[in-house]
Amino acid sequence: MKCMENKFIGRYIVTDPSICHGKPTFRGTRIFVEDVLEQLASGMAWESIIEDWHGNITKEAITETLQLASHAFLEHANEYILEQKAA
């Protein structure tokens, strides 16, 4: 039987099969990392994001989120390259 345990992806981000179906969340919360990335992508200010989540995430947690997302993108960038069509 496979051991089900939470895994620390970073200092602030974890996955736990018993919380939110194992999707990445901020440690000690049920806040999806994906939701915060979407807020950032929409141009929402960091302070507004922190306020939106009632202070349950910090600037440091958002920084880590962006660093990990950047690293993951760079590792898999070739998977996202679109073919350019000739004009």
C-alpha atoms as a PDB file:
ATOM      1  CA  MET A   1       0.000   0.000   0.000  1.00  0.00           C
ATOM      2  CA  LYS A   2       1.306   3.433  -0.965  1.00  0.00           C
ATOM      3  CA  CYS A   3       2.187   5.762   1.918  1.00  0.00           C
ATOM      4  CA  MET A   4       0.002   8.873   1.884  1.00  0.00           C
ATOM      5  CA  GLU A   5       1.756  11.814   3.431  1.00  0.00           C
ATOM      6  CA  ASN A   6       2.003  15.509   2.917  1.00  0.00           C
ATOM      7  CA  LYS A   7       4.963  16.763   0.952  1.00  0.00           C
ATOM      8  CA  PHE A   8       6.635  20.089   1.331  1.00  0.00           C
ATOM      9  CA  ILE A   9       7.152  21.651  -2.086  1.00  0.00           C
ATOM     10  CA  GLY A  10       8.684  24.687  -0.465  1.00  0.00           C
ATOM     11  CA  ARG A  11       8.612  26.478   2.831  1.00  0.00           C
ATOM     12  CA  TYR A  12       5.017  27.652   2.332  1.00  0.00           C
ATOM     13  CA  ILE A  13       3.551  25.215  -0.183  1.00  0.00           C
ATOM     14  CA  VAL A  14       2.516  21.629   0.546  1.00  0.00           C
ATOM     15  CA  THR A  15       0.553  18.772  -0.931  1.00  0.00           C
ATOM     16  CA  ASP A  16      -1.434  16.441   1.280  1.00  0.00           C
ATOM     17  CA  PRO A  17      -3.674  13.719  -0.155  1.00  0.00           C
ATOM     18  CA  SER A  18      -6.134  14.277   2.710  1.00  0.00           C
ATOM     19  CA  ILE A  19      -6.457  18.018   1.990  1.00  0.00           C
ATOM     20  CA  CYS A  20      -7.974  19.390  -1.218  1.00  0.00           C
ATOM     21  CA  HIS A  21      -7.363  16.098  -3.075  1.00  0.00           C
ATOM     22  CA  GLY A  22      -3.601  16.563  -2.804  1.00  0.00           C
ATOM     23  CA  LYS A  23      -3.475  19.740  -4.886  1.00  0.00           C
ATOM     24  CA  PRO A  24      -0.808  22.267  -3.841  1.00  0.00           C
ATOM     25  CA  THR A  25      -2.006  24.529  -1.049  1.00  0.00           C
ATOM     26  CA  PHE A  26      -0.393  26.991   1.306  1.00  0.00           C
ATOM     27  CA  ARG A  27       0.766  25.301   4.498  1.00  0.00           C
ATOM     28  CA  GLY A  28      -1.878  25.322   7.204  1.00  0.00           C
ATOM     29  CA  THR A  29      -4.641  26.440   4.818  1.00  0.00           C
ATOM     30  CA  ARG A  30      -6.952  25.134   2.135  1.00  0.00           C
ATOM     31  CA  ILE A  31      -5.948  27.951  -0.200  1.00  0.00           C
ATOM     32  CA  PHE A  32      -5.011  26.569  -3.609  1.00  0.00           C
ATOM     33  CA  VAL A  33      -1.718  27.802  -5.029  1.00  0.00           C
ATOM     34  CA  GLU A  34      -3.464  27.760  -8.404  1.00  0.00           C
ATOM     35  CA  ASP A  35      -6.003  30.343  -7.198  1.00  0.00           C
ATOM     36  CA  VAL A  36      -3.273  32.740  -6.099  1.00  0.00           C
ATOM     37  CA  LEU A  37      -1.419  32.278  -9.405  1.00  0.00           C
ATOM     38  CA  GLU A  38      -4.635  33.162 -11.240  1.00  0.00           C
ATOM     39  CA  GLN A  39      -5.022  36.279  -9.107  1.00  0.00           C
ATOM     40  CA  LEU A  40      -1.446  37.285  -9.902  1.00  0.00           C
ATOM     41  CA  ALA A  41      -1.985  36.621 -13.609  1.00  0.00           C
ATOM     42  CA  SER A  42      -5.063  38.843 -13.579  1.00  0.00           C
ATOM     43  CA  GLY A  43      -2.895  41.698 -12.277  1.00  0.00           C
ATOM     44  CA  MET A  44      -4.200  41.726  -8.729  1.00  0.00           C
ATOM     45  CA  ALA A  45      -1.881  43.537  -6.303  1.00  0.00           C
ATOM     46  CA  TRP A  46      -0.101  41.368  -3.757  1.00  0.00           C
ATOM     47  CA  GLU A  47      -1.579  43.347  -0.874  1.00  0.00           C
ATOM     48  CA  SER A  48      -5.072  42.759  -2.289  1.00  0.00           C
ATOM     49  CA  ILE A  49      -4.411  39.044  -2.608  1.00  0.00           C
ATOM     50  CA  ILE A  50      -3.244  38.873   1.005  1.00  0.00           C
ATOM     51  CA  GLU A  51      -6.317  40.819   2.087  1.00  0.00           C
ATOM     52  CA  ASP A  52      -8.590  38.631  -0.059  1.00  0.00           C
ATOM     53  CA  TRP A  53      -7.302  35.587   1.840  1.00  0.00           C
ATOM     54  CA  HIS A  54      -7.643  37.371   5.207  1.00  0.00           C
ATOM     55  CA  GLY A  55      -3.894  37.417   5.835  1.00  0.00           C
ATOM     56  CA  ASN A  56      -3.629  33.618   5.661  1.00  0.00           C
ATOM     57  CA  ILE A  57      -0.832  33.923   3.108  1.00  0.00           C
ATOM     58  CA  THR A  58       2.134  36.275   3.170  1.00  0.00           C
ATOM     59  CA  LYS A  59       4.290  38.153   0.682  1.00  0.00           C
ATOM     60  CA  GLU A  60       6.960  35.521   1.276  1.00  0.00           C
ATOM     61  CA  ALA A  61       4.497  32.774   0.337  1.00  0.00           C
ATOM     62  CA  ILE A  62       3.552  34.640  -2.845  1.00  0.00           C
ATOM     63  CA  THR A  63       7.238  35.110  -3.676  1.00  0.00           C
ATOM     64  CA  GLU A  64       7.835  31.394  -3.259  1.00  0.00           C
ATOM     65  CA  THR A  65       4.810  30.660  -5.445  1.00  0.00           C
ATOM     66  CA  LEU A  66       6.199  32.775  -8.271  1.00  0.00           C
ATOM     67  CA  GLN A  67       9.685  31.318  -7.915  1.00  0.00           C
ATOM     68  CA  LEU A  68       8.383  27.753  -8.078  1.00  0.00           C
ATOM     69  CA  ALA A  69       6.039  28.554 -10.977  1.00  0.00           C
ATOM     70  CA  SER A  70       8.899  30.194 -12.860  1.00  0.00           C
ATOM     71  CA  HIS A  71      11.159  27.210 -12.255  1.00  0.00           C
ATOM     72  CA  ALA A  72       8.439  24.768 -13.389  1.00  0.00           C
ATOM     73  CA  PHE A  73       7.778  26.816 -16.516  1.00  0.00           C
ATOM     74  CA  LEU A  74      11.457  26.979 -17.442  1.00  0.00           C
ATOM     75  CA  GLU A  75      11.802  23.234 -16.912  1.00  0.00           C
ATOM     76  CA  HIS A  76       8.871  22.573 -19.272  1.00  0.00           C
ATOM     77  CA  ALA A  77       8.995  25.578 -21.618  1.00  0.00           C
ATOM     78  CA  ASN A  78       9.605  23.440 -24.684  1.00  0.00           C
ATOM     79  CA  GLU A  79       6.203  21.815 -24.086  1.00  0.00           C
ATOM     80  CA  TYR A  80       4.507  25.208 -24.521  1.00  0.00           C
ATOM     81  CA  ILE A  81       6.156  26.352 -27.736  1.00  0.00           C
ATOM     82  CA  LEU A  82       3.557  26.994 -30.403  1.00  0.00           C
ATOM     83  CA  GLU A  83       4.313  26.552 -34.053  1.00  0.00           C
ATOM     84  CA  GLN A  84       4.365  29.826 -35.901  1.00  0.00           C
ATOM     85  CA  LYS A  85       2.301  29.864 -39.063  1.00  0.00           C
ATOM     86  CA  ALA A  86       3.766  31.404 -42.165  1.00  0.00           C
ATOM     87  CA  ALA A  87       2.088  34.687 -43.107  1.00  0.00           C
END
